[in-house]
Amino acid sequence: FMQGNFGFASTLLDTLRKHANTCPVMLSSSIQATLVGRYAEGDY
């Protein structure tokens, strides 16, 4: 989960930084990122 959802995001942003490209970026996240209720302990 962390490798795919955090690791690749880090690689993507580092590559944009490398080229000093500050174009707009949209991120697909999830309501599970609220970590509220039944999502509180979910690794995803």
PDB file of all heavy atoms in Angstrom:
ATOM      1  N   PHE A   1       0.834  -1.197   0.000  1.00  0.00           N
ATOM      2  CA  PHE A   1       0.000   0.000   0.000  1.00  0.00           C
ATOM      3  C   PHE A   1       0.873   1.254   0.000  1.00  0.00           C
ATOM      4  O   PHE A   1       0.723   2.144  -0.825  1.00  0.00           O
ATOM      5  CB  PHE A   1      -0.918   0.029   1.219  1.00  0.00           C
ATOM      6  CG  PHE A   1      -2.185  -0.756   1.071  1.00  0.00           C
ATOM      7  CD1 PHE A   1      -2.570  -1.648   2.051  1.00  0.00           C
ATOM      8  CD2 PHE A   1      -3.009  -0.577  -0.037  1.00  0.00           C
ATOM      9  CE1 PHE A   1      -3.759  -2.372   1.932  1.00  0.00           C
ATOM     10  CE2 PHE A   1      -4.196  -1.293  -0.160  1.00  0.00           C
ATOM     11  CZ  PHE A   1      -4.561  -2.191   0.823  1.00  0.00           C
ATOM     12  N   MET A   2       1.808   1.308   0.954  1.00  0.00           N
ATOM     13  CA  MET A   2       2.653   2.487   1.088  1.00  0.00           C
ATOM     14  C   MET A   2       3.586   2.627  -0.104  1.00  0.00           C
ATOM     15  O   MET A   2       3.810   3.735  -0.614  1.00  0.00           O
ATOM     16  CB  MET A   2       3.453   2.420   2.393  1.00  0.00           C
ATOM     17  CG  MET A   2       4.065   3.743   2.814  1.00  0.00           C
ATOM     18  SD  MET A   2       2.820   5.047   3.121  1.00  0.00           S
ATOM     19  CE  MET A   2       2.091   4.492   4.662  1.00  0.00           C
ATOM     20  N   GLN A   3       4.094   1.502  -0.582  1.00  0.00           N
ATOM     21  CA  GLN A   3       4.991   1.540  -1.730  1.00  0.00           C
ATOM     22  C   GLN A   3       4.271   2.056  -2.977  1.00  0.00           C
ATOM     23  O   GLN A   3       4.801   2.888  -3.716  1.00  0.00           O
ATOM     24  CB  GLN A   3       5.553   0.137  -1.997  1.00  0.00           C
ATOM     25  CG  GLN A   3       6.473   0.070  -3.206  1.00  0.00           C
ATOM     26  CD  GLN A   3       6.950  -1.360  -3.470  1.00  0.00           C
ATOM     27  OE1 GLN A   3       6.824  -2.240  -2.612  1.00  0.00           O
ATOM     28  NE2 GLN A   3       7.493  -1.596  -4.650  1.00  0.00           N
ATOM     29  N   GLY A   4       3.042   1.584  -3.189  1.00  0.00           N
ATOM     30  CA  GLY A   4       2.325   1.961  -4.403  1.00  0.00           C
ATOM     31  C   GLY A   4       1.671   3.327  -4.333  1.00  0.00           C
ATOM     32  O   GLY A   4       1.628   4.058  -5.335  1.00  0.00           O
ATOM     33  N   ASN A   5       1.142   3.688  -3.155  1.00  0.00           N
ATOM     34  CA  ASN A   5       0.381   4.933  -3.043  1.00  0.00           C
ATOM     35  C   ASN A   5       1.213   6.117  -2.563  1.00  0.00           C
ATOM     36  O   ASN A   5       0.879   7.261  -2.835  1.00  0.00           O
ATOM     37  CB  ASN A   5      -0.807   4.733  -2.106  1.00  0.00           C
ATOM     38  CG  ASN A   5      -1.802   3.729  -2.672  1.00  0.00           C
ATOM     39  OD1 ASN A   5      -2.053   3.693  -3.871  1.00  0.00           O
ATOM     40  ND2 ASN A   5      -2.358   2.889  -1.812  1.00  0.00           N
ATOM     41  N   PHE A   6       2.297   5.842  -1.821  1.00  0.00           N
ATOM     42  CA  PHE A   6       3.187   6.904  -1.368  1.00  0.00           C
ATOM     43  C   PHE A   6       4.474   6.905  -2.187  1.00  0.00           C
ATOM     44  O   PHE A   6       4.938   7.959  -2.639  1.00  0.00           O
ATOM     45  CB  PHE A   6       3.500   6.728   0.116  1.00  0.00           C
ATOM     46  CG  PHE A   6       4.494   7.729   0.643  1.00  0.00           C
ATOM     47  CD1 PHE A   6       4.089   8.994   1.042  1.00  0.00           C
ATOM     48  CD2 PHE A   6       5.839   7.400   0.746  1.00  0.00           C
ATOM     49  CE1 PHE A   6       5.010   9.922   1.528  1.00  0.00           C
ATOM     50  CE2 PHE A   6       6.765   8.313   1.231  1.00  0.00           C
ATOM     51  CZ  PHE A   6       6.342   9.574   1.621  1.00  0.00           C
ATOM     52  N   GLY A   7       5.024   5.710  -2.402  1.00  0.00           N
ATOM     53  CA  GLY A   7       6.316   5.604  -3.088  1.00  0.00           C
ATOM     54  C   GLY A   7       6.288   6.163  -4.489  1.00  0.00           C
ATOM     55  O   GLY A   7       7.157   6.954  -4.881  1.00  0.00           O
ATOM     56  N   PHE A   8       5.258   5.766  -5.293  1.00  0.00           N
ATOM     57  CA  PHE A   8       5.222   6.276  -6.665  1.00  0.00           C
ATOM     58  C   PHE A   8       4.945   7.770  -6.689  1.00  0.00           C
ATOM     59  O   PHE A   8       5.505   8.502  -7.512  1.00  0.00           O
ATOM     60  CB  PHE A   8       4.169   5.551  -7.501  1.00  0.00           C
ATOM     61  CG  PHE A   8       4.070   6.131  -8.884  1.00  0.00           C
ATOM     62  CD1 PHE A   8       5.033   5.850  -9.843  1.00  0.00           C
ATOM     63  CD2 PHE A   8       3.048   7.011  -9.231  1.00  0.00           C
ATOM     64  CE1 PHE A   8       4.977   6.423 -11.110  1.00  0.00           C
ATOM     65  CE2 PHE A   8       2.977   7.580 -10.492  1.00  0.00           C
ATOM     66  CZ  PHE A   8       3.954   7.273 -11.431  1.00  0.00           C
ATOM     67  N   ALA A   9       4.078   8.247  -5.786  1.00  0.00           N
ATOM     68  CA  ALA A   9       3.803   9.687  -5.725  1.00  0.00           C
ATOM     69  C   ALA A   9       5.090  10.459  -5.487  1.00  0.00           C
ATOM     70  O   ALA A   9       5.332  11.519  -6.090  1.00  0.00           O
ATOM     71  CB  ALA A   9       2.790   9.986  -4.622  1.00  0.00           C
ATOM     72  N   SER A  10       5.947   9.925  -4.627  1.00  0.00           N
ATOM     73  CA  SER A  10       7.228  10.568  -4.356  1.00  0.00           C
ATOM     74  C   SER A  10       8.110  10.580  -5.606  1.00  0.00           C
ATOM     75  O   SER A  10       8.739  11.600  -5.926  1.00  0.00           O
ATOM     76  CB  SER A  10       7.936   9.839  -3.213  1.00  0.00           C
ATOM     77  OG  SER A  10       9.160  10.445  -2.908  1.00  0.00           O
ATOM     78  N   THR A  11       8.132   9.471  -6.318  1.00  0.00           N
ATOM     79  CA  THR A  11       8.917   9.395  -7.553  1.00  0.00           C
ATOM     80  C   THR A  11       8.411  10.388  -8.587  1.00  0.00           C
ATOM     81  O   THR A  11       9.197  11.080  -9.248  1.00  0.00           O
ATOM     82  CB  THR A  11       8.856   7.966  -8.126  1.00  0.00           C
ATOM     83  OG1 THR A  11       9.392   7.048  -7.170  1.00  0.00           O
ATOM     84  CG2 THR A  11       9.637   7.859  -9.425  1.00  0.00           C
ATOM     85  N   LEU A  12       7.104  10.468  -8.738  1.00  0.00           N
ATOM     86  CA  LEU A  12       6.506  11.393  -9.699  1.00  0.00           C
ATOM     87  C   LEU A  12       6.893  12.838  -9.381  1.00  0.00           C
ATOM     88  O   LEU A  12       7.349  13.590 -10.262  1.00  0.00           O
ATOM     89  CB  LEU A  12       4.988  11.236  -9.687  1.00  0.00           C
ATOM     90  CG  LEU A  12       4.191  12.262 -10.494  1.00  0.00           C
ATOM     91  CD1 LEU A  12       4.454  12.097 -11.987  1.00  0.00           C
ATOM     92  CD2 LEU A  12       2.694  12.132 -10.196  1.00  0.00           C
ATOM     93  N   LEU A  13       6.714  13.232  -8.133  1.00  0.00           N
ATOM     94  CA  LEU A  13       6.986  14.624  -7.757  1.00  0.00           C
ATOM     95  C   LEU A  13       8.477  14.938  -7.842  1.00  0.00           C
ATOM     96  O   LEU A  13       8.865  16.047  -8.240  1.00  0.00           O
ATOM     97  CB  LEU A  13       6.449  14.895  -6.359  1.00  0.00           C
ATOM     98  CG  LEU A  13       4.924  14.765  -6.199  1.00  0.00           C
ATOM     99  CD1 LEU A  13       4.505  15.065  -4.768  1.00  0.00           C
ATOM    100  CD2 LEU A  13       4.189  15.667  -7.179  1.00  0.00           C
ATOM    101  N   ASP A  14       9.325  13.977  -7.478  1.00  0.00           N
ATOM    102  CA  ASP A  14      10.770  14.184  -7.602  1.00  0.00           C
ATOM    103  C   ASP A  14      11.167  14.398  -9.063  1.00  0.00           C
ATOM    104  O   ASP A  14      12.062  15.207  -9.359  1.00  0.00           O
ATOM    105  CB  ASP A  14      11.535  12.992  -7.033  1.00  0.00           C
ATOM    106  CG  ASP A  14      11.553  12.975  -5.510  1.00  0.00           C
ATOM    107  OD1 ASP A  14      11.227  14.023  -4.905  1.00  0.00           O
ATOM    108  OD2 ASP A  14      11.871  11.916  -4.930  1.00  0.00           O
ATOM    109  N   THR A  15      10.514  13.684  -9.964  1.00  0.00           N
ATOM    110  CA  THR A  15      10.828  13.823 -11.385  1.00  0.00           C
ATOM    111  C   THR A  15      10.374  15.171 -11.913  1.00  0.00           C
ATOM    112  O   THR A  15      11.068  15.800 -12.722  1.00  0.00           O
ATOM    113  CB  THR A  15      10.185  12.675 -12.183  1.00  0.00           C
ATOM    114  OG1 THR A  15      10.506  11.422 -11.584  1.00  0.00           O
ATOM    115  CG2 THR A  15      10.682  12.666 -13.622  1.00  0.00           C
ATOM    116  N   LEU A  16       9.218  15.646 -11.453  1.00  0.00           N
ATOM    117  CA  LEU A  16       8.777  16.992 -11.827  1.00  0.00           C
ATOM    118  C   LEU A  16       9.745  18.040 -11.284  1.00  0.00           C
ATOM    119  O   LEU A  16      10.090  19.012 -11.974  1.00  0.00           O
ATOM    120  CB  LEU A  16       7.361  17.245 -11.306  1.00  0.00           C
ATOM    121  CG  LEU A  16       6.229  16.477 -11.992  1.00  0.00           C
ATOM    122  CD1 LEU A  16       4.933  16.619 -11.212  1.00  0.00           C
ATOM    123  CD2 LEU A  16       6.029  16.966 -13.433  1.00  0.00           C
ATOM    124  N   ARG A  17      10.204  17.851 -10.044  1.00  0.00           N
ATOM    125  CA  ARG A  17      11.177  18.775  -9.455  1.00  0.00           C
ATOM    126  C   ARG A  17      12.461  18.812 -10.286  1.00  0.00           C
ATOM    127  O   ARG A  17      13.038  19.884 -10.515  1.00  0.00           O
ATOM    128  CB  ARG A  17      11.535  18.318  -8.039  1.00  0.00           C
ATOM    129  CG  ARG A  17      10.573  18.710  -6.955  1.00  0.00           C
ATOM    130  CD  ARG A  17      11.228  18.481  -5.588  1.00  0.00           C
ATOM    131  NE  ARG A  17      10.257  18.561  -4.509  1.00  0.00           N
ATOM    132  CZ  ARG A  17       9.602  17.525  -4.012  1.00  0.00           C
ATOM    133  NH1 ARG A  17       9.798  16.302  -4.524  1.00  0.00           N
ATOM    134  NH2 ARG A  17       8.739  17.679  -3.031  1.00  0.00           N
ATOM    135  N   LYS A  18      12.900  17.653 -10.699  1.00  0.00           N
ATOM    136  CA  LYS A  18      14.143  17.539 -11.460  1.00  0.00           C
ATOM    137  C   LYS A  18      14.120  18.453 -12.678  1.00  0.00           C
ATOM    138  O   LYS A  18      15.145  19.060 -13.040  1.00  0.00           O
ATOM    139  CB  LYS A  18      14.338  16.081 -11.885  1.00  0.00           C
ATOM    140  CG  LYS A  18      15.463  15.845 -12.875  1.00  0.00           C
ATOM    141  CD  LYS A  18      15.491  14.385 -13.305  1.00  0.00           C
ATOM    142  CE  LYS A  18      16.497  14.163 -14.434  1.00  0.00           C
ATOM    143  NZ  LYS A  18      16.484  12.755 -14.901  1.00  0.00           N
ATOM    144  N   HIS A  19      12.940  18.559 -13.306  1.00  0.00           N
ATOM    145  CA  HIS A  19      12.814  19.383 -14.512  1.00  0.00           C
ATOM    146  C   HIS A  19      12.245  20.762 -14.216  1.00  0.00           C
ATOM    147  O   HIS A  19      11.885  21.495 -15.153  1.00  0.00           O
ATOM    148  CB  HIS A  19      11.946  18.652 -15.541  1.00  0.00           C
ATOM    149  CG  HIS A  19      12.554  17.372 -16.037  1.00  0.00           C
ATOM    150  ND1 HIS A  19      13.653  17.337 -16.860  1.00  0.00           N
ATOM    151  CD2 HIS A  19      12.217  16.070 -15.792  1.00  0.00           C
ATOM    152  CE1 HIS A  19      13.973  16.078 -17.127  1.00  0.00           C
ATOM    153  NE2 HIS A  19      13.106  15.284 -16.489  1.00  0.00           N
ATOM    154  N   ALA A  20      12.143  21.085 -12.928  1.00  0.00           N
ATOM    155  CA  ALA A  20      11.584  22.384 -12.518  1.00  0.00           C
ATOM    156  C   ALA A  20      10.236  22.626 -13.188  1.00  0.00           C
ATOM    157  O   ALA A  20       9.904  23.748 -13.583  1.00  0.00           O
ATOM    158  CB  ALA A  20      12.559  23.514 -12.844  1.00  0.00           C
ATOM    159  N   ASN A  21       9.462  21.561 -13.299  1.00  0.00           N
ATOM    160  CA  ASN A  21       8.145  21.644 -13.947  1.00  0.00           C
ATOM    161  C   ASN A  21       7.088  21.806 -12.855  1.00  0.00           C
ATOM    162  O   ASN A  21       6.810  20.879 -12.098  1.00  0.00           O
ATOM    163  CB  ASN A  21       7.880  20.388 -14.770  1.00  0.00           C
ATOM    164  CG  ASN A  21       6.593  20.493 -15.586  1.00  0.00           C
ATOM    165  OD1 ASN A  21       5.760  21.368 -15.358  1.00  0.00           O
ATOM    166  ND2 ASN A  21       6.430  19.589 -16.539  1.00  0.00           N
ATOM    167  N   THR A  22       6.512  22.984 -12.770  1.00  0.00           N
ATOM    168  CA  THR A  22       5.503  23.260 -11.741  1.00  0.00           C
ATOM    169  C   THR A  22       4.090  23.284 -12.337  1.00  0.00           C
ATOM    170  O   THR A  22       3.225  24.049 -11.898  1.00  0.00           O
ATOM    171  CB  THR A  22       5.786  24.597 -11.051  1.00  0.00           C
ATOM    172  OG1 THR A  22       5.834  25.640 -12.044  1.00  0.00           O
ATOM    173  CG2 THR A  22       7.096  24.544 -10.289  1.00  0.00           C
ATOM    174  N   CYS A  23       3.854  22.433 -13.334  1.00  0.00           N
ATOM    175  CA  CYS A  23       2.507  22.351 -13.914  1.00  0.00           C
ATOM    176  C   CYS A  23       1.522  21.849 -12.865  1.00  0.00           C
ATOM    177  O   CYS A  23       1.910  21.227 -11.874  1.00  0.00           O
ATOM    178  CB  CYS A  23       2.510  21.425 -15.128  1.00  0.00           C
ATOM    179  SG  CYS A  23       2.714  19.670 -14.722  1.00  0.00           S
ATOM    180  N   PRO A  24       0.227  22.121 -13.045  1.00  0.00           N
ATOM    181  CA  PRO A  24      -0.775  21.616 -12.098  1.00  0.00           C
ATOM    182  C   PRO A  24      -0.785  20.081 -12.052  1.00  0.00           C
ATOM    183  O   PRO A  24      -0.575  19.411 -13.064  1.00  0.00           O
ATOM    184  CB  PRO A  24      -2.098  22.159 -12.645  1.00  0.00           C
ATOM    185  CG  PRO A  24      -1.709  23.308 -13.514  1.00  0.00           C
ATOM    186  CD  PRO A  24      -0.380  22.953 -14.101  1.00  0.00           C
ATOM    187  N   VAL A  25      -1.041  19.556 -10.855  1.00  0.00           N
ATOM    188  CA  VAL A  25      -1.075  18.105 -10.653  1.00  0.00           C
ATOM    189  C   VAL A  25      -2.350  17.740  -9.904  1.00  0.00           C
ATOM    190  O   VAL A  25      -2.676  18.337  -8.879  1.00  0.00           O
ATOM    191  CB  VAL A  25       0.151  17.627  -9.849  1.00  0.00           C
ATOM    192  CG1 VAL A  25       0.138  16.098  -9.733  1.00  0.00           C
ATOM    193  CG2 VAL A  25       1.445  18.092 -10.491  1.00  0.00           C
ATOM    194  N   MET A  26      -3.073  16.769 -10.434  1.00  0.00           N
ATOM    195  CA  MET A  26      -4.274  16.255  -9.774  1.00  0.00           C
ATOM    196  C   MET A  26      -3.940  14.913  -9.139  1.00  0.00           C
ATOM    197  O   MET A  26      -3.266  14.065  -9.746  1.00  0.00           O
ATOM    198  CB  MET A  26      -5.399  16.080 -10.812  1.00  0.00           C
ATOM    199  CG  MET A  26      -6.650  15.373 -10.290  1.00  0.00           C
ATOM    200  SD  MET A  26      -6.580  13.587 -10.620  1.00  0.00           S
ATOM    201  CE  MET A  26      -8.067  13.031  -9.813  1.00  0.00           C
ATOM    202  N   LEU A  27      -4.385  14.699  -7.912  1.00  0.00           N
ATOM    203  CA  LEU A  27      -4.151  13.446  -7.203  1.00  0.00           C
ATOM    204  C   LEU A  27      -5.469  12.744  -6.934  1.00  0.00           C
ATOM    205  O   LEU A  27      -6.399  13.328  -6.373  1.00  0.00           O
ATOM    206  CB  LEU A  27      -3.439  13.694  -5.866  1.00  0.00           C
ATOM    207  CG  LEU A  27      -3.312  12.469  -4.940  1.00  0.00           C
ATOM    208  CD1 LEU A  27      -2.420  11.409  -5.574  1.00  0.00           C
ATOM    209  CD2 LEU A  27      -2.794  12.874  -3.573  1.00  0.00           C
ATOM    210  N   SER A  28      -5.531  11.472  -7.296  1.00  0.00           N
ATOM    211  CA  SER A  28      -6.676  10.628  -6.977  1.00  0.00           C
ATOM    212  C   SER A  28      -6.439   9.982  -5.624  1.00  0.00           C
ATOM    213  O   SER A  28      -5.618   9.074  -5.480  1.00  0.00           O
ATOM    214  CB  SER A  28      -6.844   9.552  -8.057  1.00  0.00           C
ATOM    215  OG  SER A  28      -7.772   8.574  -7.649  1.00  0.00           O
ATOM    216  N   SER A  29      -7.176  10.470  -4.609  1.00  0.00           N
ATOM    217  CA  SER A  29      -7.094   9.885  -3.276  1.00  0.00           C
ATOM    218  C   SER A  29      -8.430   9.226  -2.949  1.00  0.00           C
ATOM    219  O   SER A  29      -9.239   8.961  -3.844  1.00  0.00           O
ATOM    220  CB  SER A  29      -6.721  10.954  -2.240  1.00  0.00           C
ATOM    221  OG  SER A  29      -6.463  10.362  -0.980  1.00  0.00           O
ATOM    222  N   SER A  30      -8.681   8.966  -1.687  1.00  0.00           N
ATOM    223  CA  SER A  30      -9.860   8.195  -1.289  1.00  0.00           C
ATOM    224  C   SER A  30     -10.431   8.751   0.004  1.00  0.00           C
ATOM    225  O   SER A  30      -9.694   9.297   0.846  1.00  0.00           O
ATOM    226  CB  SER A  30      -9.473   6.723  -1.096  1.00  0.00           C
ATOM    227  OG  SER A  30     -10.481   6.008  -0.407  1.00  0.00           O
ATOM    228  N   ILE A  31     -11.737   8.574   0.185  1.00  0.00           N
ATOM    229  CA  ILE A  31     -12.353   8.968   1.458  1.00  0.00           C
ATOM    230  C   ILE A  31     -11.766   8.169   2.619  1.00  0.00           C
ATOM    231  O   ILE A  31     -11.866   8.596   3.767  1.00  0.00           O
ATOM    232  CB  ILE A  31     -13.887   8.796   1.423  1.00  0.00           C
ATOM    233  CG1 ILE A  31     -14.286   7.351   1.082  1.00  0.00           C
ATOM    234  CG2 ILE A  31     -14.524   9.773   0.466  1.00  0.00           C
ATOM    235  CD1 ILE A  31     -15.769   7.080   1.256  1.00  0.00           C
ATOM    236  N   GLN A  32     -11.128   7.045   2.313  1.00  0.00           N
ATOM    237  CA  GLN A  32     -10.496   6.276   3.378  1.00  0.00           C
ATOM    238  C   GLN A  32      -9.316   7.023   3.999  1.00  0.00           C
ATOM    239  O   GLN A  32      -8.891   6.711   5.109  1.00  0.00           O
ATOM    240  CB  GLN A  32     -10.054   4.912   2.865  1.00  0.00           C
ATOM    241  CG  GLN A  32     -11.219   4.026   2.428  1.00  0.00           C
ATOM    242  CD  GLN A  32     -10.813   2.596   2.172  1.00  0.00           C
ATOM    243  OE1 GLN A  32      -9.983   2.035   2.878  1.00  0.00           O
ATOM    244  NE2 GLN A  32     -11.406   1.986   1.146  1.00  0.00           N
ATOM    245  N   ALA A  33      -8.803   8.047   3.288  1.00  0.00           N
ATOM    246  CA  ALA A  33      -7.711   8.855   3.820  1.00  0.00           C
ATOM    247  C   ALA A  33      -8.165   9.751   4.965  1.00  0.00           C
ATOM    248  O   ALA A  33      -7.331  10.350   5.653  1.00  0.00           O
ATOM    249  CB  ALA A  33      -7.091   9.702   2.713  1.00  0.00           C
ATOM    250  N   THR A  34      -9.484   9.843   5.197  1.00  0.00           N
ATOM    251  CA  THR A  34      -9.954  10.601   6.355  1.00  0.00           C
ATOM    252  C   THR A  34      -9.537   9.935   7.651  1.00  0.00           C
ATOM    253  O   THR A  34      -9.445  10.591   8.698  1.00  0.00           O
ATOM    254  CB  THR A  34     -11.486  10.721   6.334  1.00  0.00           C
ATOM    255  OG1 THR A  34     -12.068   9.403   6.350  1.00  0.00           O
ATOM    256  CG2 THR A  34     -11.970  11.483   5.094  1.00  0.00           C
ATOM    257  N   LEU A  35      -9.313   8.610   7.601  1.00  0.00           N
ATOM    258  CA  LEU A  35      -8.927   7.824   8.780  1.00  0.00           C
ATOM    259  C   LEU A  35      -9.932   7.998   9.918  1.00  0.00           C
ATOM    260  O   LEU A  35      -9.581   8.027  11.095  1.00  0.00           O
ATOM    261  CB  LEU A  35      -7.516   8.208   9.252  1.00  0.00           C
ATOM    262  CG  LEU A  35      -6.396   8.039   8.215  1.00  0.00           C
ATOM    263  CD1 LEU A  35      -5.051   8.447   8.813  1.00  0.00           C
ATOM    264  CD2 LEU A  35      -6.338   6.604   7.705  1.00  0.00           C
ATOM    265  N   VAL A  36     -11.193   8.110   9.534  1.00  0.00           N
ATOM    266  CA  VAL A  36     -12.272   8.304  10.497  1.00  0.00           C
ATOM    267  C   VAL A  36     -13.162   7.058  10.498  1.00  0.00           C
ATOM    268  O   VAL A  36     -13.406   6.441   9.462  1.00  0.00           O
ATOM    269  CB  VAL A  36     -13.101   9.556  10.145  1.00  0.00           C
ATOM    270  CG1 VAL A  36     -14.339   9.652  11.031  1.00  0.00           C
ATOM    271  CG2 VAL A  36     -12.248  10.807  10.296  1.00  0.00           C
ATOM    272  N   GLY A  37     -13.686   6.701  11.684  1.00  0.00           N
ATOM    273  CA  GLY A  37     -14.621   5.587  11.785  1.00  0.00           C
ATOM    274  C   GLY A  37     -14.004   4.278  11.358  1.00  0.00           C
ATOM    275  O   GLY A  37     -12.919   3.898  11.810  1.00  0.00           O
ATOM    276  N   ARG A  38     -14.675   3.585  10.446  1.00  0.00           N
ATOM    277  CA  ARG A  38     -14.192   2.267  10.017  1.00  0.00           C
ATOM    278  C   ARG A  38     -12.905   2.348   9.210  1.00  0.00           C
ATOM    279  O   ARG A  38     -12.273   1.337   8.941  1.00  0.00           O
ATOM    280  CB  ARG A  38     -15.266   1.530   9.217  1.00  0.00           C
ATOM    281  CG  ARG A  38     -15.716   2.214   7.942  1.00  0.00           C
ATOM    282  CD  ARG A  38     -16.985   1.567   7.415  1.00  0.00           C
ATOM    283  NE  ARG A  38     -17.527   2.213   6.234  1.00  0.00           N
ATOM    284  CZ  ARG A  38     -17.396   1.747   5.000  1.00  0.00           C
ATOM    285  NH1 ARG A  38     -16.712   0.637   4.795  1.00  0.00           N
ATOM    286  NH2 ARG A  38     -17.948   2.378   3.982  1.00  0.00           N
ATOM    287  N   TYR A  39     -12.514   3.573   8.817  1.00  0.00           N
ATOM    288  CA  TYR A  39     -11.268   3.738   8.068  1.00  0.00           C
ATOM    289  C   TYR A  39     -10.077   4.049   8.977  1.00  0.00           C
ATOM    290  O   TYR A  39      -8.950   4.212   8.500  1.00  0.00           O
ATOM    291  CB  TYR A  39     -11.408   4.880   7.061  1.00  0.00           C
ATOM    292  CG  TYR A  39     -12.554   4.735   6.088  1.00  0.00           C
ATOM    293  CD1 TYR A  39     -13.402   5.801   5.820  1.00  0.00           C
ATOM    294  CD2 TYR A  39     -12.792   3.525   5.442  1.00  0.00           C
ATOM    295  CE1 TYR A  39     -14.461   5.684   4.935  1.00  0.00           C
ATOM    296  CE2 TYR A  39     -13.852   3.393   4.549  1.00  0.00           C
ATOM    297  CZ  TYR A  39     -14.686   4.478   4.297  1.00  0.00           C
ATOM    298  OH  TYR A  39     -15.733   4.350   3.421  1.00  0.00           O
ATOM    299  N   ALA A  40     -10.298   4.149  10.282  1.00  0.00           N
ATOM    300  CA  ALA A  40      -9.289   4.682  11.206  1.00  0.00           C
ATOM    301  C   ALA A  40      -7.974   3.907  11.168  1.00  0.00           C
ATOM    302  O   ALA A  40      -6.895   4.511  11.231  1.00  0.00           O
ATOM    303  CB  ALA A  40      -9.848   4.714  12.627  1.00  0.00           C
ATOM    304  N   GLU A  41      -8.031   2.597  11.063  1.00  0.00           N
ATOM    305  CA  GLU A  41      -6.816   1.789  11.148  1.00  0.00           C
ATOM    306  C   GLU A  41      -6.439   1.151   9.816  1.00  0.00           C
ATOM    307  O   GLU A  41      -5.567   0.274   9.771  1.00  0.00           O
ATOM    308  CB  GLU A  41      -6.988   0.696  12.213  1.00  0.00           C
ATOM    309  CG  GLU A  41      -7.258   1.230  13.614  1.00  0.00           C
ATOM    310  CD  GLU A  41      -6.134   2.125  14.108  1.00  0.00           C
ATOM    311  OE1 GLU A  41      -4.962   1.827  13.796  1.00  0.00           O
ATOM    312  OE2 GLU A  41      -6.430   3.122  14.790  1.00  0.00           O
ATOM    313  N   GLY A  42      -7.047   1.567   8.727  1.00  0.00           N
ATOM    314  CA  GLY A  42      -6.793   0.915   7.443  1.00  0.00           C
ATOM    315  C   GLY A  42      -5.463   1.308   6.828  1.00  0.00           C
ATOM    316  O   GLY A  42      -5.121   2.491   6.747  1.00  0.00           O
ATOM    317  N   ASP A  43      -4.696   0.307   6.414  1.00  0.00           N
ATOM    318  CA  ASP A  43      -3.404   0.577   5.781  1.00  0.00           C
ATOM    319  C   ASP A  43      -3.573   1.328   4.461  1.00  0.00           C
ATOM    320  O   ASP A  43      -2.739   2.172   4.104  1.00  0.00           O
ATOM    321  CB  ASP A  43      -2.658  -0.738   5.530  1.00  0.00           C
ATOM    322  CG  ASP A  43      -2.192  -1.395   6.815  1.00  0.00           C
ATOM    323  OD1 ASP A  43      -1.781  -0.653   7.735  1.00  0.00           O
ATOM    324  OD2 ASP A  43      -2.241  -2.631   6.913  1.00  0.00           O
ATOM    325  N   TYR A  44      -4.644   1.017   3.735  1.00  0.00           N
ATOM    326  CA  TYR A  44      -4.890   1.705   2.470  1.00  0.00           C
ATOM    327  C   TYR A  44      -5.112   3.199   2.715  1.00  0.00           C
ATOM    328  O   TYR A  44      -4.509   4.057   2.060  1.00  0.00           O
ATOM    329  CB  TYR A  44      -6.103   1.097   1.762  1.00  0.00           C
ATOM    330  CG  TYR A  44      -6.498   1.794   0.485  1.00  0.00           C
ATOM    331  CD1 TYR A  44      -5.712   1.706  -0.653  1.00  0.00           C
ATOM    332  CD2 TYR A  44      -7.679   2.545   0.414  1.00  0.00           C
ATOM    333  CE1 TYR A  44      -6.070   2.345  -1.830  1.00  0.00           C
ATOM    334  CE2 TYR A  44      -8.044   3.186  -0.752  1.00  0.00           C
ATOM    335  CZ  TYR A  44      -7.239   3.083  -1.872  1.00  0.00           C
ATOM    336  OH  TYR A  44      -7.604   3.727  -3.029  1.00  0.00           O
TER     337      TYR A  44
END
